[in-house]
Amino acid sequence: MRKVLNLGSFFTTGTDEVRQWTIRNGTKAPQAAGVIHGDFEKTFIQAIVYNFDKLKELGSEAEIKAKGQIQTKGKDYVVNDGDILLIKAGAAKS
């Protein structure tokens, strides 16, 4: 069904939560950030990215980092299904 609807997922992680977010395939990083919170799209700076399959393969975020598999991506990055993102955004304007 997800393939028919052209949907993919990305993940965010925290100390006590892992969350899956649904996006359309082809979504760029700022728009994916906007799924989390509208202000994140408006103030998007960059995304720190690694892939879930790579995490399964290597076993830990520390190992992914040691192997140089964590990437910093900008506004033109197209989020891939299974990406794990850490969104960097500026302060929201009130």
PDB file of N, CA and C in Angstrom:
ATOM      1  N   MET A   1       0.822  -1.194   0.000  1.00  0.00           N
ATOM      2  CA  MET A   1       0.000   0.000   0.000  1.00  0.00           C
ATOM      3  C   MET A   1       0.866   1.258   0.000  1.00  0.00           C
ATOM      4  N   ARG A   2       1.935   1.257   0.835  1.00  0.00           N
ATOM      5  CA  ARG A   2       2.805   2.437   0.910  1.00  0.00           C
ATOM      6  C   ARG A   2       3.437   2.730  -0.445  1.00  0.00           C
ATOM      7  N   LYS A   3       3.801   1.674  -1.167  1.00  0.00           N
ATOM      8  CA  LYS A   3       4.408   1.863  -2.488  1.00  0.00           C
ATOM      9  C   LYS A   3       3.402   2.477  -3.454  1.00  0.00           C
ATOM     10  N   VAL A   4       2.189   1.989  -3.437  1.00  0.00           N
ATOM     11  CA  VAL A   4       1.134   2.508  -4.313  1.00  0.00           C
ATOM     12  C   VAL A   4       0.866   3.983  -4.019  1.00  0.00           C
ATOM     13  N   LEU A   5       0.910   4.358  -2.742  1.00  0.00           N
ATOM     14  CA  LEU A   5       0.656   5.742  -2.335  1.00  0.00           C
ATOM     15  C   LEU A   5       1.902   6.621  -2.403  1.00  0.00           C
ATOM     16  N   ASN A   6       3.051   6.021  -2.805  1.00  0.00           N
ATOM     17  CA  ASN A   6       4.307   6.766  -2.935  1.00  0.00           C
ATOM     18  C   ASN A   6       4.768   7.338  -1.591  1.00  0.00           C
ATOM     19  N   LEU A   7       4.664   6.522  -0.532  1.00  0.00           N
ATOM     20  CA  LEU A   7       5.023   6.966   0.808  1.00  0.00           C
ATOM     21  C   LEU A   7       6.315   6.316   1.282  1.00  0.00           C
ATOM     22  N   GLY A   8       7.040   7.050   2.093  1.00  0.00           N
ATOM     23  CA  GLY A   8       8.237   6.551   2.751  1.00  0.00           C
ATOM     24  C   GLY A   8       8.224   7.013   4.191  1.00  0.00           C
ATOM     25  N   SER A   9       9.264   6.647   4.920  1.00  0.00           N
ATOM     26  CA  SER A   9       9.359   7.022   6.330  1.00  0.00           C
ATOM     27  C   SER A   9      10.763   7.488   6.654  1.00  0.00           C
ATOM     28  N   PHE A  10      10.837   8.372   7.631  1.00  0.00           N
ATOM     29  CA  PHE A  10      12.110   8.676   8.258  1.00  0.00           C
ATOM     30  C   PHE A  10      11.898   8.607   9.757  1.00  0.00           C
ATOM     31  N   PHE A  11      12.997   8.569  10.493  1.00  0.00           N
ATOM     32  CA  PHE A  11      12.942   8.406  11.935  1.00  0.00           C
ATOM     33  C   PHE A  11      13.669   9.547  12.628  1.00  0.00           C
ATOM     34  N   THR A  12      13.206   9.866  13.825  1.00  0.00           N
ATOM     35  CA  THR A  12      13.940  10.732  14.731  1.00  0.00           C
ATOM     36  C   THR A  12      14.152   9.944  16.013  1.00  0.00           C
ATOM     37  N   THR A  13      15.251  10.239  16.693  1.00  0.00           N
ATOM     38  CA  THR A  13      15.562   9.524  17.926  1.00  0.00           C
ATOM     39  C   THR A  13      15.888  10.517  19.030  1.00  0.00           C
ATOM     40  N   GLY A  14      15.580  10.128  20.227  1.00  0.00           N
ATOM     41  CA  GLY A  14      15.920  10.906  21.413  1.00  0.00           C
ATOM     42  C   GLY A  14      16.333   9.950  22.511  1.00  0.00           C
ATOM     43  N   THR A  15      16.589  10.488  23.671  1.00  0.00           N
ATOM     44  CA  THR A  15      17.035   9.631  24.773  1.00  0.00           C
ATOM     45  C   THR A  15      15.963   8.645  25.222  1.00  0.00           C
ATOM     46  N   ASP A  16      14.690   9.009  25.045  1.00  0.00           N
ATOM     47  CA  ASP A  16      13.623   8.120  25.508  1.00  0.00           C
ATOM     48  C   ASP A  16      12.563   7.818  24.452  1.00  0.00           C
ATOM     49  N   GLU A  17      12.835   8.178  23.190  1.00  0.00           N
ATOM     50  CA  GLU A  17      11.816   7.956  22.167  1.00  0.00           C
ATOM     51  C   GLU A  17      12.450   7.816  20.792  1.00  0.00           C
ATOM     52  N   VAL A  18      11.923   6.872  20.025  1.00  0.00           N
ATOM     53  CA  VAL A  18      12.203   6.767  18.595  1.00  0.00           C
ATOM     54  C   VAL A  18      10.869   6.943  17.909  1.00  0.00           C
ATOM     55  N   ARG A  19      10.836   7.790  16.879  1.00  0.00           N
ATOM     56  CA  ARG A  19       9.557   8.081  16.231  1.00  0.00           C
ATOM     57  C   ARG A  19       9.694   7.940  14.720  1.00  0.00           C
ATOM     58  N   GLN A  20       8.690   7.347  14.105  1.00  0.00           N
ATOM     59  CA  GLN A  20       8.622   7.217  12.654  1.00  0.00           C
ATOM     60  C   GLN A  20       7.706   8.307  12.124  1.00  0.00           C
ATOM     61  N   TRP A  21       8.123   8.939  11.018  1.00  0.00           N
ATOM     62  CA  TRP A  21       7.337   9.986  10.373  1.00  0.00           C
ATOM     63  C   TRP A  21       7.097   9.576   8.928  1.00  0.00           C
ATOM     64  N   THR A  22       5.887   9.726   8.450  1.00  0.00           N
ATOM     65  CA  THR A  22       5.533   9.351   7.087  1.00  0.00           C
ATOM     66  C   THR A  22       5.598  10.575   6.183  1.00  0.00           C
ATOM     67  N   ILE A  23       6.249  10.392   5.028  1.00  0.00           N
ATOM     68  CA  ILE A  23       6.378  11.454   4.022  1.00  0.00           C
ATOM     69  C   ILE A  23       6.150  10.849   2.644  1.00  0.00           C
ATOM     70  N   ARG A  24       5.931  11.696   1.672  1.00  0.00           N
ATOM     71  CA  ARG A  24       5.883  11.243   0.284  1.00  0.00           C
ATOM     72  C   ARG A  24       7.313  11.056  -0.197  1.00  0.00           C
ATOM     73  N   ASN A  25       7.539  10.026  -1.009  1.00  0.00           N
ATOM     74  CA  ASN A  25       8.858   9.841  -1.602  1.00  0.00           C
ATOM     75  C   ASN A  25       9.206  11.082  -2.409  1.00  0.00           C
ATOM     76  N   GLY A  26      10.457  11.509  -2.330  1.00  0.00           N
ATOM     77  CA  GLY A  26      10.901  12.706  -3.031  1.00  0.00           C
ATOM     78  C   GLY A  26      10.861  13.964  -2.175  1.00  0.00           C
ATOM     79  N   THR A  27      10.451  13.836  -0.917  1.00  0.00           N
ATOM     80  CA  THR A  27      10.370  14.989  -0.015  1.00  0.00           C
ATOM     81  C   THR A  27      11.770  15.451   0.369  1.00  0.00           C
ATOM     82  N   LYS A  28      11.986  16.757   0.298  1.00  0.00           N
ATOM     83  CA  LYS A  28      13.274  17.329   0.690  1.00  0.00           C
ATOM     84  C   LYS A  28      13.311  17.536   2.202  1.00  0.00           C
ATOM     85  N   ALA A  29      14.525  17.642   2.730  1.00  0.00           N
ATOM     86  CA  ALA A  29      14.741  17.711   4.177  1.00  0.00           C
ATOM     87  C   ALA A  29      13.933  18.805   4.874  1.00  0.00           C
ATOM     88  N   PRO A  30      13.866  20.043   4.355  1.00  0.00           N
ATOM     89  CA  PRO A  30      13.079  21.057   5.073  1.00  0.00           C
ATOM     90  C   PRO A  30      11.595  20.693   5.187  1.00  0.00           C
ATOM     91  N   GLN A  31      11.041  20.102   4.138  1.00  0.00           N
ATOM     92  CA  GLN A  31       9.634  19.717   4.180  1.00  0.00           C
ATOM     93  C   GLN A  31       9.430  18.536   5.133  1.00  0.00           C
ATOM     94  N   ALA A  32      10.398  17.625   5.190  1.00  0.00           N
ATOM     95  CA  ALA A  32      10.323  16.526   6.159  1.00  0.00           C
ATOM     96  C   ALA A  32      10.370  17.082   7.578  1.00  0.00           C
ATOM     97  N   ALA A  33      11.234  18.067   7.803  1.00  0.00           N
ATOM     98  CA  ALA A  33      11.300  18.711   9.121  1.00  0.00           C
ATOM     99  C   ALA A  33       9.963  19.351   9.468  1.00  0.00           C
ATOM    100  N   GLY A  34       9.278  19.884   8.460  1.00  0.00           N
ATOM    101  CA  GLY A  34       7.978  20.503   8.670  1.00  0.00           C
ATOM    102  C   GLY A  34       6.904  19.529   9.102  1.00  0.00           C
ATOM    103  N   VAL A  35       7.080  18.246   8.794  1.00  0.00           N
ATOM    104  CA  VAL A  35       6.139  17.228   9.262  1.00  0.00           C
ATOM    105  C   VAL A  35       6.206  17.135  10.788  1.00  0.00           C
ATOM    106  N   ILE A  36       7.392  17.331  11.339  1.00  0.00           N
ATOM    107  CA  ILE A  36       7.576  17.297  12.790  1.00  0.00           C
ATOM    108  C   ILE A  36       6.957  18.538  13.420  1.00  0.00           C
ATOM    109  N   HIS A  37       7.295  19.702  12.862  1.00  0.00           N
ATOM    110  CA  HIS A  37       6.759  20.979  13.355  1.00  0.00           C
ATOM    111  C   HIS A  37       6.953  22.023  12.266  1.00  0.00           C
ATOM    112  N   GLY A  38       5.921  22.793  11.985  1.00  0.00           N
ATOM    113  CA  GLY A  38       5.966  23.792  10.920  1.00  0.00           C
ATOM    114  C   GLY A  38       7.123  24.768  11.043  1.00  0.00           C
ATOM    115  N   ASP A  39       7.478  25.153  12.266  1.00  0.00           N
ATOM    116  CA  ASP A  39       8.598  26.076  12.458  1.00  0.00           C
ATOM    117  C   ASP A  39       9.919  25.457  12.016  1.00  0.00           C
ATOM    118  N   PHE A  40      10.053  24.135  12.107  1.00  0.00           N
ATOM    119  CA  PHE A  40      11.292  23.484  11.683  1.00  0.00           C
ATOM    120  C   PHE A  40      11.509  23.641  10.184  1.00  0.00           C
ATOM    121  N   GLU A  41      10.434  23.625   9.413  1.00  0.00           N
ATOM    122  CA  GLU A  41      10.568  23.832   7.971  1.00  0.00           C
ATOM    123  C   GLU A  41      11.007  25.261   7.686  1.00  0.00           C
ATOM    124  N   LYS A  42      10.405  26.208   8.368  1.00  0.00           N
ATOM    125  CA  LYS A  42      10.710  27.623   8.130  1.00  0.00           C
ATOM    126  C   LYS A  42      12.124  27.994   8.542  1.00  0.00           C
ATOM    127  N   THR A  43      12.644  27.366   9.585  1.00  0.00           N
ATOM    128  CA  THR A  43      13.951  27.753  10.125  1.00  0.00           C
ATOM    129  C   THR A  43      15.018  26.673   9.907  1.00  0.00           C
ATOM    130  N   PHE A  44      14.756  25.749   8.982  1.00  0.00           N
ATOM    131  CA  PHE A  44      15.666  24.631   8.711  1.00  0.00           C
ATOM    132  C   PHE A  44      17.076  25.131   8.392  1.00  0.00           C
ATOM    133  N   ILE A  45      18.068  24.511   9.019  1.00  0.00           N
ATOM    134  CA  ILE A  45      19.471  24.805   8.734  1.00  0.00           C
ATOM    135  C   ILE A  45      20.119  23.612   8.032  1.00  0.00           C
ATOM    136  N   GLN A  46      20.044  22.443   8.654  1.00  0.00           N
ATOM    137  CA  GLN A  46      20.638  21.239   8.080  1.00  0.00           C
ATOM    138  C   GLN A  46      20.063  20.003   8.759  1.00  0.00           C
ATOM    139  N   ALA A  47      20.366  18.856   8.173  1.00  0.00           N
ATOM    140  CA  ALA A  47      19.972  17.579   8.770  1.00  0.00           C
ATOM    141  C   ALA A  47      21.206  16.694   8.884  1.00  0.00           C
ATOM    142  N   ILE A  48      21.363  16.080  10.024  1.00  0.00           N
ATOM    143  CA  ILE A  48      22.384  15.057  10.227  1.00  0.00           C
ATOM    144  C   ILE A  48      21.693  13.736   9.905  1.00  0.00           C
ATOM    145  N   VAL A  49      22.275  12.951   8.980  1.00  0.00           N
ATOM    146  CA  VAL A  49      21.559  11.818   8.392  1.00  0.00           C
ATOM    147  C   VAL A  49      22.390  10.537   8.445  1.00  0.00           C
ATOM    148  N   TYR A  50      21.736   9.445   8.823  1.00  0.00           N
ATOM    149  CA  TYR A  50      22.263   8.109   8.573  1.00  0.00           C
ATOM    150  C   TYR A  50      21.071   7.196   8.325  1.00  0.00           C
ATOM    151  N   ASN A  51      21.329   6.006   7.792  1.00  0.00           N
ATOM    152  CA  ASN A  51      20.242   5.143   7.360  1.00  0.00           C
ATOM    153  C   ASN A  51      20.022   3.975   8.319  1.00  0.00           C
ATOM    154  N   PHE A  52      18.759   3.622   8.501  1.00  0.00           N
ATOM    155  CA  PHE A  52      18.385   2.535   9.403  1.00  0.00           C
ATOM    156  C   PHE A  52      19.062   1.220   9.021  1.00  0.00           C
ATOM    157  N   ASP A  53      19.139   0.925   7.728  1.00  0.00           N
ATOM    158  CA  ASP A  53      19.780  -0.323   7.300  1.00  0.00           C
ATOM    159  C   ASP A  53      21.248  -0.347   7.708  1.00  0.00           C
ATOM    160  N   LYS A  54      21.913   0.812   7.628  1.00  0.00           N
ATOM    161  CA  LYS A  54      23.314   0.911   8.046  1.00  0.00           C
ATOM    162  C   LYS A  54      23.422   0.716   9.564  1.00  0.00           C
ATOM    163  N   LEU A  55      22.449   1.223  10.310  1.00  0.00           N
ATOM    164  CA  LEU A  55      22.425   1.027  11.759  1.00  0.00           C
ATOM    165  C   LEU A  55      22.291  -0.458  12.092  1.00  0.00           C
ATOM    166  N   LYS A  56      21.400  -1.160  11.395  1.00  0.00           N
ATOM    167  CA  LYS A  56      21.243  -2.601  11.611  1.00  0.00           C
ATOM    168  C   LYS A  56      22.541  -3.340  11.294  1.00  0.00           C
ATOM    169  N   GLU A  57      23.190  -2.934  10.209  1.00  0.00           N
ATOM    170  CA  GLU A  57      24.424  -3.589   9.774  1.00  0.00           C
ATOM    171  C   GLU A  57      25.569  -3.381  10.769  1.00  0.00           C
ATOM    172  N   LEU A  58      25.743  -2.150  11.234  1.00  0.00           N
ATOM    173  CA  LEU A  58      26.896  -1.816  12.074  1.00  0.00           C
ATOM    174  C   LEU A  58      26.615  -1.915  13.574  1.00  0.00           C
ATOM    175  N   GLY A  59      25.336  -1.874  13.974  1.00  0.00           N
ATOM    176  CA  GLY A  59      24.984  -2.151  15.356  1.00  0.00           C
ATOM    177  C   GLY A  59      24.816  -0.984  16.301  1.00  0.00           C
ATOM    178  N   SER A  60      25.416   0.165  15.993  1.00  0.00           N
ATOM    179  CA  SER A  60      25.272   1.301  16.904  1.00  0.00           C
ATOM    180  C   SER A  60      25.561   2.609  16.175  1.00  0.00           C
ATOM    181  N   GLU A  61      25.020   3.687  16.732  1.00  0.00           N
ATOM    182  CA  GLU A  61      25.288   5.010  16.176  1.00  0.00           C
ATOM    183  C   GLU A  61      26.776   5.341  16.286  1.00  0.00           C
ATOM    184  N   ALA A  62      27.415   4.919  17.376  1.00  0.00           N
ATOM    185  CA  ALA A  62      28.849   5.164  17.550  1.00  0.00           C
ATOM    186  C   ALA A  62      29.662   4.490  16.445  1.00  0.00           C
ATOM    187  N   GLU A  63      29.276   3.282  16.067  1.00  0.00           N
ATOM    188  CA  GLU A  63      29.981   2.564  15.003  1.00  0.00           C
ATOM    189  C   GLU A  63      29.744   3.218  13.644  1.00  0.00           C
ATOM    190  N   ILE A  64      28.533   3.698  13.416  1.00  0.00           N
ATOM    191  CA  ILE A  64      28.239   4.419  12.174  1.00  0.00           C
ATOM    192  C   ILE A  64      29.126   5.654  12.079  1.00  0.00           C
ATOM    193  N   LYS A  65      29.235   6.373  13.184  1.00  0.00           N
ATOM    194  CA  LYS A  65      30.074   7.574  13.223  1.00  0.00           C
ATOM    195  C   LYS A  65      31.544   7.214  12.996  1.00  0.00           C
ATOM    196  N   ALA A  66      32.016   6.150  13.637  1.00  0.00           N
ATOM    197  CA  ALA A  66      33.405   5.715  13.487  1.00  0.00           C
ATOM    198  C   ALA A  66      33.731   5.338  12.046  1.00  0.00           C
ATOM    199  N   LYS A  67      32.747   4.813  11.330  1.00  0.00           N
ATOM    200  CA  LYS A  67      32.938   4.415   9.929  1.00  0.00           C
ATOM    201  C   LYS A  67      32.688   5.564   8.951  1.00  0.00           C
ATOM    202  N   GLY A  68      32.383   6.751   9.473  1.00  0.00           N
ATOM    203  CA  GLY A  68      32.170   7.914   8.606  1.00  0.00           C
ATOM    204  C   GLY A  68      30.886   7.857   7.807  1.00  0.00           C
ATOM    205  N   GLN A  69      29.866   7.191   8.340  1.00  0.00           N
ATOM    206  CA  GLN A  69      28.608   7.010   7.613  1.00  0.00           C
ATOM    207  C   GLN A  69      27.535   8.031   7.979  1.00  0.00           C
ATOM    208  N   ILE A  70      27.851   8.968   8.878  1.00  0.00           N
ATOM    209  CA  ILE A  70      26.908  10.030   9.217  1.00  0.00           C
ATOM    210  C   ILE A  70      27.199  11.218   8.316  1.00  0.00           C
ATOM    211  N   GLN A  71      26.163  11.756   7.694  1.00  0.00           N
ATOM    212  CA  GLN A  71      26.326  12.840   6.728  1.00  0.00           C
ATOM    213  C   GLN A  71      25.566  14.077   7.177  1.00  0.00           C
ATOM    214  N   THR A  72      26.092  15.234   6.808  1.00  0.00           N
ATOM    215  CA  THR A  72      25.401  16.502   7.024  1.00  0.00           C
ATOM    216  C   THR A  72      24.820  16.929   5.686  1.00  0.00           C
ATOM    217  N   LYS A  73      23.514  17.169   5.652  1.00  0.00           N
ATOM    218  CA  LYS A  73      22.828  17.498   4.401  1.00  0.00           C
ATOM    219  C   LYS A  73      22.102  18.829   4.527  1.00  0.00           C
ATOM    220  N   GLY A  74      21.935  19.496   3.397  1.00  0.00           N
ATOM    221  CA  GLY A  74      21.292  20.803   3.369  1.00  0.00           C
ATOM    222  C   GLY A  74      19.874  20.758   2.835  1.00  0.00           C
ATOM    223  N   LYS A  75      19.411  21.921   2.397  1.00  0.00           N
ATOM    224  CA  LYS A  75      18.008  22.105   2.001  1.00  0.00           C
ATOM    225  C   LYS A  75      17.593  21.316   0.768  1.00  0.00           C
ATOM    226  N   ASP A  76      18.550  20.916  -0.071  1.00  0.00           N
ATOM    227  CA  ASP A  76      18.207  20.190  -1.288  1.00  0.00           C
ATOM    228  C   ASP A  76      18.232  18.674  -1.121  1.00  0.00           C
ATOM    229  N   TYR A  77      18.555  18.193   0.067  1.00  0.00           N
ATOM    230  CA  TYR A  77      18.637  16.753   0.292  1.00  0.00           C
ATOM    231  C   TYR A  77      17.252  16.121   0.226  1.00  0.00           C
ATOM    232  N   VAL A  78      17.126  15.084  -0.583  1.00  0.00           N
ATOM    233  CA  VAL A  78      15.884  14.311  -0.672  1.00  0.00           C
ATOM    234  C   VAL A  78      15.978  13.172   0.339  1.00  0.00           C
ATOM    235  N   VAL A  79      15.058  13.156   1.276  1.00  0.00           N
ATOM    236  CA  VAL A  79      15.055  12.160   2.348  1.00  0.00           C
ATOM    237  C   VAL A  79      14.727  10.791   1.766  1.00  0.00           C
ATOM    238  N   ASN A  80      15.524   9.801   2.146  1.00  0.00           N
ATOM    239  CA  ASN A  80      15.325   8.429   1.686  1.00  0.00           C
ATOM    240  C   ASN A  80      14.530   7.635   2.717  1.00  0.00           C
ATOM    241  N   ASP A  81      13.768   6.672   2.226  1.00  0.00           N
ATOM    242  CA  ASP A  81      13.018   5.791   3.113  1.00  0.00           C
ATOM    243  C   ASP A  81      14.001   5.106   4.060  1.00  0.00           C
ATOM    244  N   GLY A  82      13.757   5.206   5.361  1.00  0.00           N
ATOM    245  CA  GLY A  82      14.622   4.584   6.349  1.00  0.00           C
ATOM    246  C   GLY A  82      15.703   5.488   6.905  1.00  0.00           C
ATOM    247  N   ASP A  83      15.773   6.729   6.441  1.00  0.00           N
ATOM    248  CA  ASP A  83      16.754   7.663   7.000  1.00  0.00           C
ATOM    249  C   ASP A  83      16.428   7.981   8.450  1.00  0.00           C
ATOM    250  N   ILE A  84      17.468   8.187   9.223  1.00  0.00           N
ATOM    251  CA  ILE A  84      17.340   8.692  10.587  1.00  0.00           C
ATOM    252  C   ILE A  84      17.888  10.105  10.558  1.00  0.00           C
ATOM    253  N   LEU A  85      17.081  11.072  10.988  1.00  0.00           N
ATOM    254  CA  LEU A  85      17.446  12.483  10.881  1.00  0.00           C
ATOM    255  C   LEU A  85      17.550  13.140  12.246  1.00  0.00           C
ATOM    256  N   LEU A  86      18.543  14.001  12.364  1.00  0.00           N
ATOM    257  CA  LEU A  86      18.621  14.959  13.455  1.00  0.00           C
ATOM    258  C   LEU A  86      18.506  16.316  12.783  1.00  0.00           C
ATOM    259  N   ILE A  87      17.408  17.001  13.009  1.00  0.00           N
ATOM    260  CA  ILE A  87      17.124  18.279  12.359  1.00  0.00           C
ATOM    261  C   ILE A  87      17.770  19.412  13.143  1.00  0.00           C
ATOM    262  N   LYS A  88      18.488  20.255  12.432  1.00  0.00           N
ATOM    263  CA  LYS A  88      19.034  21.484  13.017  1.00  0.00           C
ATOM    264  C   LYS A  88      18.217  22.635  12.447  1.00  0.00           C
ATOM    265  N   ALA A  89      17.618  23.418  13.325  1.00  0.00           N
ATOM    266  CA  ALA A  89      16.778  24.542  12.907  1.00  0.00           C
ATOM    267  C   ALA A  89      17.090  25.744  13.784  1.00  0.00           C
ATOM    268  N   GLY A  90      16.831  26.917  13.238  1.00  0.00           N
ATOM    269  CA  GLY A  90      17.039  28.144  13.991  1.00  0.00           C
ATOM    270  C   GLY A  90      15.871  28.419  14.920  1.00  0.00           C
ATOM    271  N   ALA A  91      15.994  29.500  15.639  1.00  0.00           N
ATOM    272  CA  ALA A  91      14.922  29.903  16.555  1.00  0.00           C
ATOM    273  C   ALA A  91      13.705  30.353  15.759  1.00  0.00           C
ATOM    274  N   ALA A  92      12.545  29.965  16.216  1.00  0.00           N
ATOM    275  CA  ALA A  92      11.295  30.368  15.563  1.00  0.00           C
ATOM    276  C   ALA A  92      11.038  31.843  15.816  1.00  0.00           C
ATOM    277  N   LYS A  93      10.497  32.496  14.803  1.00  0.00           N
ATOM    278  CA  LYS A  93      10.131  33.906  14.953  1.00  0.00           C
ATOM    279  C   LYS A  93       8.721  33.986  15.509  1.00  0.00           C
ATOM    280  N   SER A  94       8.539  34.824  16.516  1.00  0.00           N
ATOM    281  CA  SER A  94       7.207  34.912  17.120  1.00  0.00           C
ATOM    282  C   SER A  94       6.365  35.992  16.506  1.00  0.00           C
TER     283      SER A  94
END
